[in-house]
Amino acid sequence: MNTIMKRLAIILVGILLFNMLPVFASPILAQAAADYDIKEVNFVLLHGFNSNAGSVQPLGDAIFDKLPEYISSYERNNPGIQIVADTLYRSYINNVDIETWASNIASDINKRFAGKSNLVLVGHSMGGKAALYAVAHNIGNLAEKVAMVVTVNSPIKKLSSYYFIGGDTNLGYEGAQLLLSDQGVLNSIANYDSSEDGLWVANNKHWLALVSAESYPLSPQFDATGVDLLPRDMDDSIVPISCQYADGADVIYYGEYAHSDFKILKEVADNLADQILRYIFGGNMDFSVLGRAGSFEHKSDLFPGTDYWEDTVGGLSADSGTITHFNESYFKWQHWEDIVGIEDIAGTRCSFQTSQKVSFPLFTGITEIGWVDPDNTRDGRIYIKTRAAPRSTVQVFWSIYQQGLLPEGIERNHYEVEIETGTQSTAVGAVFWETNNPRDIRLHISSQARSPFHWFRVQWRVYYAESREVKIIDSLPLKVVSQ
């Protein structure tokens, strides 16, 4: 009897413990079964023309060397969210048109990154141009998977619009250099404008354009020896800086570097990696914003030799106007002297510009021009001496500028100068900031033209730095994962 009672007691205790087990186990089981949120960030590194996947490895390595620090910081500030990152490198056939290149990119992503989302396409040169095309045209349903596109020194605008050495086109230059190419890619680089693709990506996703220019020589900005591939433009030795972005892009000017310097200079790869990761995870970035722009024109005189000019641009307009004189004589040249401008301007004068229109090309036009009071920087008046042949007209358009500093806390970023049209045997010799004041966005531009019968028009743009944060990681969708 005692034995039976003991057995019953053991059974009852066992049943009791079994029923109590969920009470003791539930916190552990609940913790093990807890859901947690993740955000994917998947990088696709895309090489450029005449290159392969290995060429973008230095940039990819820099990104993944720095990535843990950015992830740790974000996860500390956002408890309960984990960041999962991956990367894809592939080599693509180089001598195909942009549509085929984009299709190859989409096909690889769909095959090797199947099921991946929140893609960050980082394309160098032609790789960036093809990436914009692939997303904007939704090749392989890529648009819904992509979070942002990063272009690095990519030829966004068509290169056929730019002047190449000897007056040749990009298509002719590259075609001669690469005789075995079928010119599919060359036609796309030369003639396909990716501005609309970029605008679509900027409006519907995110587009970060990393641009640089004028690596050789560092100063002066233009190569006066005439051996530059693009002698009329500030460029990265292959692509003009104004070609590397378009409307809608968030533009970062990362310095005076060549087209592929990130492949050989760790400092450049690290800089680009930080720019990309700050754009994703947050942090102040200095974006380039257009401050002022304009143009001026020069024509050489009739005497053999070379004419030289020094221009200061970027000031604020203080006054402008037109002078017109007609010589009524049938036999004599006539001379005039005019004083124009404001005697006491509100700020500090900095420069003046004039252009002329004459009805008779010989010995008609401006003969002398200068400040009325060279020593008084508040006197915004200039004197203009002109002459005209018998029965001819001289017309002078004049503008006077005063110094205009950027607001406190805003600093200049970079400038772009190019000869947009004109004859050959013309050049911009040097460009530099007028002062060391980072709020002063005036430029000094030296130019020249062989005479006679040569002319050119220079277009200039100055940019300031706008500091702001983007942080696209906050807008990326979450995935809920159960352990």
Protein backbone atom coordinates (compact mmCIF):
# COMPACT_ATOMS: atom_id res chain seq x y z
CA MET A 1 0.00 0.00 0.00
CA ASN A 2 2.80 2.36 0.90
CA THR A 3 4.49 1.56 -2.40
CA ILE A 4 1.35 2.40 -4.34
CA MET A 5 0.92 5.68 -2.45
CA LYS A 6 4.52 6.67 -3.16
CA ARG A 7 4.07 5.97 -6.86
CA LEU A 8 0.87 8.01 -6.93
CA ALA A 9 2.64 10.87 -5.18
CA ILE A 10 5.46 10.82 -7.74
CA ILE A 11 2.94 10.82 -10.60
CA LEU A 12 1.03 13.76 -9.06
CA VAL A 13 4.24 15.75 -8.57
CA GLY A 14 5.22 15.01 -12.18
CA ILE A 15 1.86 16.18 -13.46
CA LEU A 16 2.09 19.32 -11.34
CA LEU A 17 5.58 20.14 -12.60
CA PHE A 18 4.54 19.49 -16.21
CA ASN A 19 1.62 21.89 -15.85
CA MET A 20 3.88 24.52 -14.28
CA LEU A 21 6.55 24.18 -16.97
CA PRO A 22 5.00 26.73 -19.39
CA VAL A 23 4.98 29.25 -16.57
CA PHE A 24 8.72 28.94 -16.06
CA ALA A 25 9.54 28.49 -19.77
CA SER A 26 7.32 31.17 -21.28
CA PRO A 27 9.75 34.13 -20.91
CA ILE A 28 12.52 32.20 -22.63
CA LEU A 29 10.26 30.89 -25.36
CA ALA A 30 8.78 34.34 -25.90
CA GLN A 31 12.23 35.85 -26.21
CA ALA A 32 13.35 33.16 -28.63
CA ALA A 33 10.27 33.65 -30.77
CA ALA A 34 10.40 37.46 -30.70
CA ASP A 35 10.24 39.25 -34.02
CA TYR A 36 12.88 41.81 -34.99
CA ASP A 37 13.14 44.33 -37.82
CA ILE A 38 15.86 44.46 -40.43
CA LYS A 39 16.70 46.86 -43.22
CA GLU A 40 18.59 45.63 -46.23
CA VAL A 41 21.20 47.74 -47.99
CA ASN A 42 22.52 45.93 -51.04
CA PHE A 43 25.36 47.50 -53.01
CA VAL A 44 25.89 46.81 -56.71
CA LEU A 45 29.26 48.09 -57.97
CA LEU A 46 29.29 48.83 -61.71
CA HIS A 47 32.47 49.44 -63.71
CA GLY A 48 32.88 51.74 -66.68
CA PHE A 49 33.85 51.48 -70.34
CA ASN A 50 37.02 49.55 -71.23
CA SER A 51 37.16 48.14 -67.70
CA ASN A 52 36.00 45.25 -65.48
CA ALA A 53 34.71 44.42 -62.02
CA GLY A 54 38.18 44.58 -60.49
CA SER A 55 38.42 48.28 -61.32
CA VAL A 56 35.70 49.20 -58.81
CA GLN A 57 37.02 46.85 -56.11
CA PRO A 58 38.97 49.64 -54.33
CA LEU A 59 35.78 51.67 -53.94
CA GLY A 60 33.81 48.61 -52.84
CA ASP A 61 36.50 47.73 -50.29
CA ALA A 62 36.44 51.27 -48.91
CA ILE A 63 32.65 51.13 -48.55
CA PHE A 64 32.71 47.82 -46.68
CA ASP A 65 35.66 48.82 -44.50
CA LYS A 66 33.68 51.83 -43.30
CA LEU A 67 30.23 50.25 -43.29
CA PRO A 68 30.36 48.59 -39.81
CA GLU A 69 30.90 51.97 -38.13
CA TYR A 70 27.88 53.49 -39.89
CA ILE A 71 25.74 50.43 -39.13
CA SER A 72 26.72 50.38 -35.44
CA SER A 73 25.91 54.06 -35.06
CA TYR A 74 22.51 53.65 -36.72
CA GLU A 75 21.59 50.54 -34.71
CA ARG A 76 22.55 52.27 -31.44
CA ASN A 77 20.22 55.14 -32.26
CA ASN A 78 17.47 52.84 -33.54
CA PRO A 79 17.17 49.89 -31.12
CA GLY A 80 15.28 46.95 -32.49
CA ILE A 81 16.44 47.52 -36.08
CA GLN A 82 19.29 45.55 -37.61
CA ILE A 83 21.07 46.47 -40.85
CA VAL A 84 21.96 43.69 -43.26
CA ALA A 85 24.29 44.53 -46.16
CA ASP A 86 25.51 42.65 -49.20
CA THR A 87 27.46 43.45 -52.36
CA LEU A 88 27.61 42.37 -55.99
CA TYR A 89 30.44 42.80 -58.47
CA ARG A 90 30.18 41.68 -62.08
CA SER A 91 32.04 42.34 -65.33
CA TYR A 92 30.05 43.38 -68.39
CA ILE A 93 30.72 43.41 -72.12
CA ASN A 94 32.05 46.87 -72.91
CA ASN A 95 31.32 47.54 -76.57
CA VAL A 96 27.52 47.42 -76.48
CA ASP A 97 24.99 50.22 -76.53
CA ILE A 98 23.48 51.60 -73.35
CA GLU A 99 20.26 49.59 -73.61
CA THR A 100 22.15 46.30 -73.88
CA TRP A 101 24.49 47.29 -71.05
CA ALA A 102 21.52 48.16 -68.84
CA SER A 103 19.80 44.88 -69.71
CA ASN A 104 22.92 42.94 -68.73
CA ILE A 105 23.02 44.74 -65.38
CA ALA A 106 19.34 44.00 -64.69
CA SER A 107 19.72 40.37 -65.72
CA ASP A 108 22.65 39.85 -63.37
CA ILE A 109 20.86 41.50 -60.46
CA ASN A 110 17.72 39.41 -60.98
CA LYS A 111 19.80 36.24 -61.15
CA ARG A 112 22.42 36.79 -58.44
CA PHE A 113 20.53 39.17 -56.16
CA ALA A 114 17.15 37.44 -56.49
CA GLY A 115 14.77 38.61 -53.80
CA LYS A 116 17.01 41.49 -52.78
CA SER A 117 15.61 44.98 -52.36
CA ASN A 118 16.91 48.42 -51.33
CA LEU A 119 19.56 48.26 -54.02
CA VAL A 120 22.25 50.95 -54.13
CA LEU A 121 23.69 51.06 -57.64
CA VAL A 122 27.17 52.63 -57.61
CA GLY A 123 28.33 53.18 -61.18
CA HIS A 124 31.64 54.59 -62.33
CA SER A 125 31.66 56.43 -65.66
CA MET A 126 29.61 54.47 -68.22
CA GLY A 127 28.44 52.14 -65.43
CA GLY A 128 26.62 55.05 -63.81
CA LYS A 129 25.08 56.13 -67.11
CA ALA A 130 23.81 52.59 -67.73
CA ALA A 131 22.47 52.36 -64.16
CA LEU A 132 20.34 55.48 -64.63
CA TYR A 133 18.99 54.07 -67.89
CA ALA A 134 18.18 50.68 -66.31
CA VAL A 135 16.22 52.22 -63.44
CA ALA A 136 14.47 55.00 -65.38
CA HIS A 137 13.35 52.55 -68.08
CA ASN A 138 12.55 49.83 -65.52
CA ILE A 139 14.67 47.24 -67.30
CA GLY A 140 13.96 43.83 -65.76
CA ASN A 141 11.56 45.45 -63.26
CA LEU A 142 14.61 47.01 -61.62
CA ALA A 143 12.95 50.27 -60.59
CA GLU A 144 10.95 48.77 -57.73
CA LYS A 145 14.08 47.20 -56.22
CA VAL A 146 16.40 50.22 -56.35
CA ALA A 147 16.66 52.79 -53.56
CA MET A 148 19.30 55.06 -55.09
CA VAL A 149 21.81 55.46 -57.90
CA VAL A 150 25.30 56.86 -57.38
CA THR A 151 27.14 58.09 -60.47
CA VAL A 152 30.89 58.67 -60.22
CA ASN A 153 32.37 60.84 -62.99
CA SER A 154 29.71 59.57 -65.40
CA PRO A 155 29.10 61.14 -68.85
CA ILE A 156 25.48 62.13 -68.22
CA LYS A 157 25.09 64.61 -71.06
CA LYS A 158 26.07 63.63 -74.59
CA LEU A 159 29.76 64.16 -75.28
CA SER A 160 29.17 65.09 -78.91
CA SER A 161 28.24 68.56 -77.60
CA TYR A 162 31.78 69.15 -76.36
CA TYR A 163 34.87 70.28 -78.24
CA PHE A 164 37.67 67.72 -78.38
CA ILE A 165 41.33 68.22 -79.20
CA GLY A 166 41.83 69.25 -82.81
CA GLY A 167 38.11 69.96 -83.18
CA ASP A 168 37.25 66.25 -83.47
CA THR A 169 34.25 64.60 -81.82
CA ASN A 170 34.27 62.11 -78.97
CA LEU A 171 33.00 59.46 -81.36
CA GLY A 172 35.85 60.07 -83.78
CA TYR A 173 38.49 60.20 -81.06
CA GLU A 174 37.42 57.04 -79.26
CA GLY A 175 36.74 55.25 -82.54
CA ALA A 176 40.30 55.87 -83.68
CA GLN A 177 41.65 54.77 -80.31
CA LEU A 178 39.60 51.57 -80.16
CA LEU A 179 39.55 50.23 -83.70
CA LEU A 180 38.00 46.91 -82.73
CA SER A 181 34.97 48.46 -81.04
CA ASP A 182 31.61 48.11 -82.77
CA GLN A 183 30.91 51.65 -81.51
CA GLY A 184 27.70 50.67 -79.76
CA VAL A 185 28.91 52.12 -76.49
CA LEU A 186 30.66 54.99 -78.27
CA ASN A 187 27.42 56.07 -79.91
CA SER A 188 25.68 55.98 -76.54
CA ILE A 189 28.39 58.06 -74.84
CA ALA A 190 28.56 60.56 -77.69
CA ASN A 191 24.90 60.91 -78.58
CA TYR A 192 22.65 59.71 -75.73
CA ASP A 193 21.73 62.35 -73.16
CA SER A 194 20.93 60.74 -69.79
CA SER A 195 19.52 63.93 -68.25
CA GLU A 196 15.91 62.74 -68.44
CA ASP A 197 16.86 59.34 -66.99
CA GLY A 198 18.60 61.10 -64.13
CA LEU A 199 15.64 63.40 -63.51
CA TRP A 200 13.29 60.40 -63.29
CA VAL A 201 15.58 58.68 -60.80
CA ALA A 202 15.96 61.89 -58.77
CA ASN A 203 12.19 62.42 -58.63
CA ASN A 204 11.25 58.82 -57.88
CA LYS A 205 14.31 57.43 -56.09
CA HIS A 206 17.55 59.20 -55.17
CA TRP A 207 20.45 60.30 -57.40
CA LEU A 208 23.84 61.22 -55.94
CA ALA A 209 26.33 62.55 -58.53
CA LEU A 210 29.98 62.58 -57.43
CA VAL A 211 31.96 64.87 -59.74
CA SER A 212 35.54 66.12 -60.10
CA ALA A 213 37.64 68.11 -62.55
CA GLU A 214 41.04 69.44 -63.55
CA SER A 215 43.52 66.98 -62.16
CA TYR A 216 46.30 67.89 -64.56
CA PRO A 217 47.51 70.50 -63.99
CA LEU A 218 46.15 71.48 -60.61
CA SER A 219 46.82 75.14 -61.39
CA PRO A 220 46.30 76.83 -63.74
CA GLN A 221 42.96 75.20 -64.37
CA PHE A 222 43.40 74.80 -68.12
CA ASP A 223 46.24 73.12 -69.92
CA ALA A 224 47.95 75.91 -71.84
CA THR A 225 50.18 73.44 -73.72
CA GLY A 226 47.23 72.34 -75.83
CA VAL A 227 47.58 68.59 -75.17
CA ASP A 228 44.43 68.32 -73.08
CA LEU A 229 41.77 66.02 -74.54
CA LEU A 230 39.11 68.66 -73.82
CA PRO A 231 41.08 71.92 -74.00
CA ARG A 232 38.03 74.18 -73.79
CA ASP A 233 36.45 72.65 -70.71
CA MET A 234 37.28 71.93 -67.12
CA ASP A 235 37.30 68.14 -67.05
CA ASP A 236 38.52 65.06 -65.17
CA SER A 237 40.85 64.25 -68.11
CA ILE A 238 38.04 62.34 -69.85
CA VAL A 239 34.63 63.86 -69.00
CA PRO A 240 33.87 67.62 -68.65
CA ILE A 241 32.62 68.50 -65.19
CA SER A 242 29.42 70.03 -66.57
CA CYS A 243 28.74 66.71 -68.31
CA GLN A 244 28.88 64.71 -65.07
CA TYR A 245 25.49 65.77 -63.67
CA ALA A 246 22.12 67.19 -64.70
CA ASP A 247 18.99 68.71 -63.17
CA GLY A 248 17.68 66.86 -60.14
CA ALA A 249 20.95 65.34 -58.97
CA ASP A 250 22.37 65.87 -55.52
CA VAL A 251 25.85 66.95 -56.60
CA ILE A 252 29.03 66.55 -54.55
CA TYR A 253 32.22 68.07 -55.96
CA TYR A 254 34.94 65.94 -54.40
CA GLY A 255 38.02 67.78 -55.65
CA GLU A 256 40.67 68.12 -58.33
CA TYR A 257 41.01 64.46 -59.27
CA ALA A 258 41.21 62.45 -62.46
CA HIS A 259 38.50 60.22 -63.88
CA SER A 260 39.66 57.02 -62.17
CA ASP A 261 41.83 58.23 -59.29
CA PHE A 262 39.84 56.20 -56.74
CA LYS A 263 41.42 53.07 -58.26
CA ILE A 264 44.93 54.13 -57.25
CA LEU A 265 44.52 56.74 -54.48
CA LYS A 266 43.13 55.43 -51.19
CA GLU A 267 42.26 58.95 -50.05
CA VAL A 268 39.90 59.32 -53.01
CA ALA A 269 38.24 55.91 -52.50
CA ASP A 270 37.78 56.67 -48.79
CA ASN A 271 36.30 60.09 -49.57
CA LEU A 272 33.82 58.66 -52.07
CA ALA A 273 32.87 55.85 -49.68
CA ASP A 274 32.16 58.35 -46.89
CA GLN A 275 30.03 60.49 -49.20
CA ILE A 276 27.95 57.48 -50.24
CA LEU A 277 27.52 56.15 -46.69
CA ARG A 278 26.65 59.56 -45.23
CA TYR A 279 24.00 59.93 -47.94
CA ILE A 280 22.52 56.60 -46.81
CA PHE A 281 22.95 56.71 -43.02
CA GLY A 282 22.93 60.44 -42.36
CA GLY A 283 25.43 63.18 -41.63
CA ASN A 284 25.99 66.66 -42.98
CA MET A 285 27.15 66.81 -46.59
CA ASP A 286 28.30 69.80 -48.65
CA PHE A 287 26.22 69.78 -51.82
CA SER A 288 27.11 72.05 -54.74
CA VAL A 289 24.51 74.75 -55.44
CA LEU A 290 24.72 77.26 -58.28
CA GLY A 291 25.44 80.73 -56.96
CA ARG A 292 26.06 82.93 -59.99
CA ALA A 293 26.61 82.41 -63.70
CA GLY A 294 27.34 84.44 -66.79
CA SER A 295 29.35 84.72 -69.97
CA PHE A 296 31.65 87.11 -71.79
CA GLU A 297 33.07 87.34 -75.29
CA HIS A 298 36.36 88.52 -76.75
CA LYS A 299 37.50 89.17 -80.33
CA SER A 300 41.10 89.58 -81.43
CA ASP A 301 42.22 92.73 -83.22
CA LEU A 302 43.46 93.02 -86.80
CA PHE A 303 47.18 92.92 -86.07
CA PRO A 304 49.03 89.57 -86.32
CA GLY A 305 50.02 88.00 -82.99
CA THR A 306 48.14 86.96 -79.86
CA ASP A 307 45.72 89.05 -77.82
CA TYR A 308 45.37 88.51 -74.05
CA TRP A 309 42.57 89.39 -71.62
CA GLU A 310 42.09 89.35 -67.84
CA ASP A 311 38.50 89.26 -66.58
CA THR A 312 37.02 89.31 -63.09
CA VAL A 313 33.54 87.80 -62.94
CA GLY A 314 31.05 86.78 -60.26
CA GLY A 315 30.25 90.19 -58.81
CA LEU A 316 26.78 91.68 -58.37
CA SER A 317 25.43 94.03 -61.03
CA ALA A 318 25.62 97.69 -59.95
CA ASP A 319 24.68 99.41 -63.22
CA SER A 320 24.50 98.74 -66.95
CA GLY A 321 23.57 100.45 -70.18
CA THR A 322 24.27 101.10 -73.86
CA ILE A 323 26.13 103.83 -75.74
CA THR A 324 25.41 104.42 -79.43
CA HIS A 325 27.24 106.86 -81.71
CA PHE A 326 26.83 107.51 -85.44
CA ASN A 327 29.47 109.35 -87.48
CA GLU A 328 27.58 111.66 -89.84
CA SER A 329 30.72 112.72 -91.69
CA TYR A 330 31.40 111.41 -95.18
CA PHE A 331 35.16 111.90 -94.95
CA LYS A 332 36.47 111.98 -91.36
CA TRP A 333 36.71 109.54 -88.46
CA GLN A 334 34.99 110.79 -85.34
CA HIS A 335 35.95 110.24 -81.67
CA TRP A 336 33.82 110.27 -78.51
CA GLU A 337 34.45 109.99 -74.77
CA ASP A 338 31.63 108.96 -72.44
CA ILE A 339 31.44 108.59 -68.66
CA VAL A 340 28.88 106.07 -67.44
CA GLY A 341 28.01 104.35 -64.16
CA ILE A 342 27.30 105.43 -60.58
CA GLU A 343 29.59 107.83 -58.78
CA ASP A 344 28.87 106.43 -55.31
CA ILE A 345 27.81 102.78 -55.38
CA ALA A 346 26.40 101.00 -52.33
CA GLY A 347 29.25 98.52 -52.00
CA THR A 348 32.77 98.02 -53.32
CA ARG A 349 33.22 98.00 -57.07
CA CYS A 350 35.03 94.99 -58.50
CA SER A 351 34.90 94.92 -62.30
CA PHE A 352 33.28 96.09 -65.50
CA GLN A 353 32.51 94.38 -68.80
CA THR A 354 31.90 95.78 -72.25
CA SER A 355 31.03 94.44 -75.66
CA GLN A 356 30.57 96.29 -78.90
CA LYS A 357 28.67 96.17 -82.17
CA VAL A 358 30.02 98.11 -85.16
CA SER A 359 28.75 98.65 -88.68
CA PHE A 360 32.26 98.98 -90.16
CA PRO A 361 34.99 96.55 -89.00
CA LEU A 362 38.08 98.71 -89.63
CA PHE A 363 39.18 101.29 -87.03
CA THR A 364 35.72 101.52 -85.52
CA GLY A 365 34.98 100.63 -81.89
CA ILE A 366 36.39 101.08 -78.40
CA THR A 367 39.84 102.68 -78.24
CA GLU A 368 40.23 103.05 -74.46
CA ILE A 369 38.34 102.20 -71.30
CA GLY A 370 38.99 102.46 -67.55
CA TRP A 371 37.82 103.61 -64.12
CA VAL A 372 37.24 107.34 -63.77
CA ASP A 373 38.88 107.24 -60.31
CA PRO A 374 41.15 104.16 -60.11
CA ASP A 375 41.89 104.70 -56.40
CA ASN A 376 38.33 105.12 -55.13
CA THR A 377 36.64 101.70 -54.86
CA ARG A 378 33.27 103.34 -54.16
CA ASP A 379 33.32 105.20 -57.50
CA GLY A 380 31.50 102.98 -59.98
CA ARG A 381 32.02 105.14 -63.05
CA ILE A 382 34.02 104.19 -66.15
CA TYR A 383 35.13 106.24 -69.13
CA ILE A 384 34.78 104.79 -72.62
CA LYS A 385 36.55 106.24 -75.65
CA THR A 386 35.24 105.20 -79.06
CA ARG A 387 35.71 106.08 -82.69
CA ALA A 388 33.85 105.37 -85.92
CA ALA A 389 34.63 105.49 -89.62
CA PRO A 390 32.67 107.86 -91.88
CA ARG A 391 28.95 107.06 -92.02
CA SER A 392 29.33 104.17 -89.56
CA THR A 393 27.92 103.32 -86.14
CA VAL A 394 29.55 102.11 -82.93
CA GLN A 395 27.44 100.64 -80.14
CA VAL A 396 28.86 99.71 -76.72
CA PHE A 397 27.10 97.58 -74.11
CA TRP A 398 28.55 98.10 -70.63
CA SER A 399 28.04 96.63 -67.17
CA ILE A 400 29.58 97.56 -63.82
CA TYR A 401 29.80 95.07 -60.94
CA GLN A 402 30.32 95.34 -57.22
CA GLN A 403 31.58 92.79 -54.76
CA GLY A 404 28.83 90.61 -53.32
CA LEU A 405 29.80 88.20 -50.54
CA LEU A 406 27.89 85.07 -49.65
CA PRO A 407 25.92 85.24 -46.37
CA GLU A 408 27.69 84.45 -43.11
CA GLY A 409 28.17 80.71 -42.69
CA ILE A 410 27.97 79.97 -46.44
CA GLU A 411 31.19 79.25 -48.34
CA ARG A 412 32.08 78.83 -52.01
CA ASN A 413 32.45 75.28 -53.30
CA HIS A 414 33.83 75.16 -56.85
CA TYR A 415 33.65 76.84 -60.24
CA GLU A 416 33.16 75.73 -63.84
CA VAL A 417 34.54 77.60 -66.85
CA GLU A 418 34.30 76.62 -70.50
CA ILE A 419 34.62 78.10 -73.97
CA GLU A 420 31.16 77.38 -75.29
CA THR A 421 31.71 78.62 -78.84
CA GLY A 422 34.21 80.42 -81.05
CA THR A 423 37.01 79.84 -83.51
CA GLN A 424 40.07 77.67 -83.02
CA SER A 425 43.34 79.13 -81.67
CA THR A 426 41.56 80.48 -78.60
CA ALA A 427 42.06 79.37 -75.00
CA VAL A 428 41.42 80.01 -71.33
CA GLY A 429 44.86 80.20 -69.78
CA ALA A 430 44.14 80.22 -66.04
CA VAL A 431 41.26 80.47 -63.59
CA PHE A 432 41.47 81.22 -59.87
CA TRP A 433 39.46 82.76 -57.04
CA GLU A 434 39.87 86.53 -56.90
CA THR A 435 40.53 86.50 -53.12
CA ASN A 436 41.17 84.02 -50.32
CA ASN A 437 37.88 84.94 -48.66
CA PRO A 438 35.72 81.75 -48.83
CA ARG A 439 32.57 83.92 -49.04
CA ASP A 440 33.86 85.77 -52.13
CA ILE A 441 32.78 83.89 -55.27
CA ARG A 442 34.45 86.18 -57.81
CA LEU A 443 36.73 84.54 -60.37
CA HIS A 444 39.76 85.79 -62.25
CA ILE A 445 39.90 84.37 -65.77
CA SER A 446 42.84 84.73 -68.16
CA SER A 447 42.15 84.11 -71.85
CA GLN A 448 43.75 84.58 -75.22
CA ALA A 449 43.11 84.42 -78.96
CA ARG A 450 45.35 84.48 -81.98
CA SER A 451 44.80 87.50 -84.19
CA PRO A 452 43.39 88.46 -86.57
CA PHE A 453 39.86 87.10 -87.05
CA HIS A 454 39.55 84.88 -83.95
CA TRP A 455 36.95 85.09 -81.22
CA PHE A 456 35.33 83.06 -78.42
CA ARG A 457 32.62 83.18 -75.77
CA VAL A 458 33.32 81.94 -72.23
CA GLN A 459 30.61 80.63 -69.94
CA TRP A 460 31.31 80.60 -66.19
CA ARG A 461 29.45 79.27 -63.16
CA VAL A 462 30.31 79.55 -59.48
CA TYR A 463 28.88 77.29 -56.79
CA TYR A 464 28.56 77.48 -53.03
CA ALA A 465 28.31 74.65 -50.51
CA GLU A 466 24.90 73.87 -49.02
CA SER A 467 25.23 71.72 -45.91
CA ARG A 468 22.32 69.34 -45.34
CA GLU A 469 21.46 65.77 -44.43
CA VAL A 470 19.65 63.21 -46.59
CA LYS A 471 19.64 59.87 -44.66
CA ILE A 472 17.70 57.63 -47.04
CA ILE A 473 17.95 54.69 -44.62
CA ASP A 474 14.94 56.09 -42.75
CA SER A 475 12.77 55.76 -45.85
CA LEU A 476 13.78 52.18 -46.65
CA PRO A 477 11.11 49.55 -45.88
CA LEU A 478 11.53 47.17 -42.95
CA LYS A 479 11.45 43.40 -43.04
CA VAL A 480 10.14 41.53 -40.01
CA VAL A 481 12.14 38.40 -39.19
CA SER A 482 11.29 35.76 -36.60
CA GLN A 483 14.04 33.87 -34.83
